[in-house]
Amino acid sequence: MTAYLLYIITLIIVAIVVLVLVIYLVLIIIALRRAGTHLQDLAGGLQKIVDDTEPLEGNLNTINGALTQLHGGLSSVDGHLVDIAKVLKLV
């Protein structure tokens, strides 16, 4: 009787351990599938960013040239303001 009881308890414990492992592995599979979906969304978003920013290269060169000209004009104005400040003895 004692051996039979130990056999039944052992089978129950083995069944519980197997059940816990199955549940754990199923939860891991679910988590990995969710992560895969999120990674696909992320890759799609990154590709959209690449596509949307591609035309900026030509525009940035134009903007950079305009800003260079603006810098020259503003530097000239700054020099004139410094000269006026010297005349008015503000500097």
Foldseek 3Di string as FASTA:
>chain_A
DVVVVVVVVVVVVVVVVVVVVVVVVVVVVVVVVVVVVVVVVVVVVVVVVCVVCVVVVVVVVVVVVVVVVVVVVVVVVVVVVVVVCVVVVVD
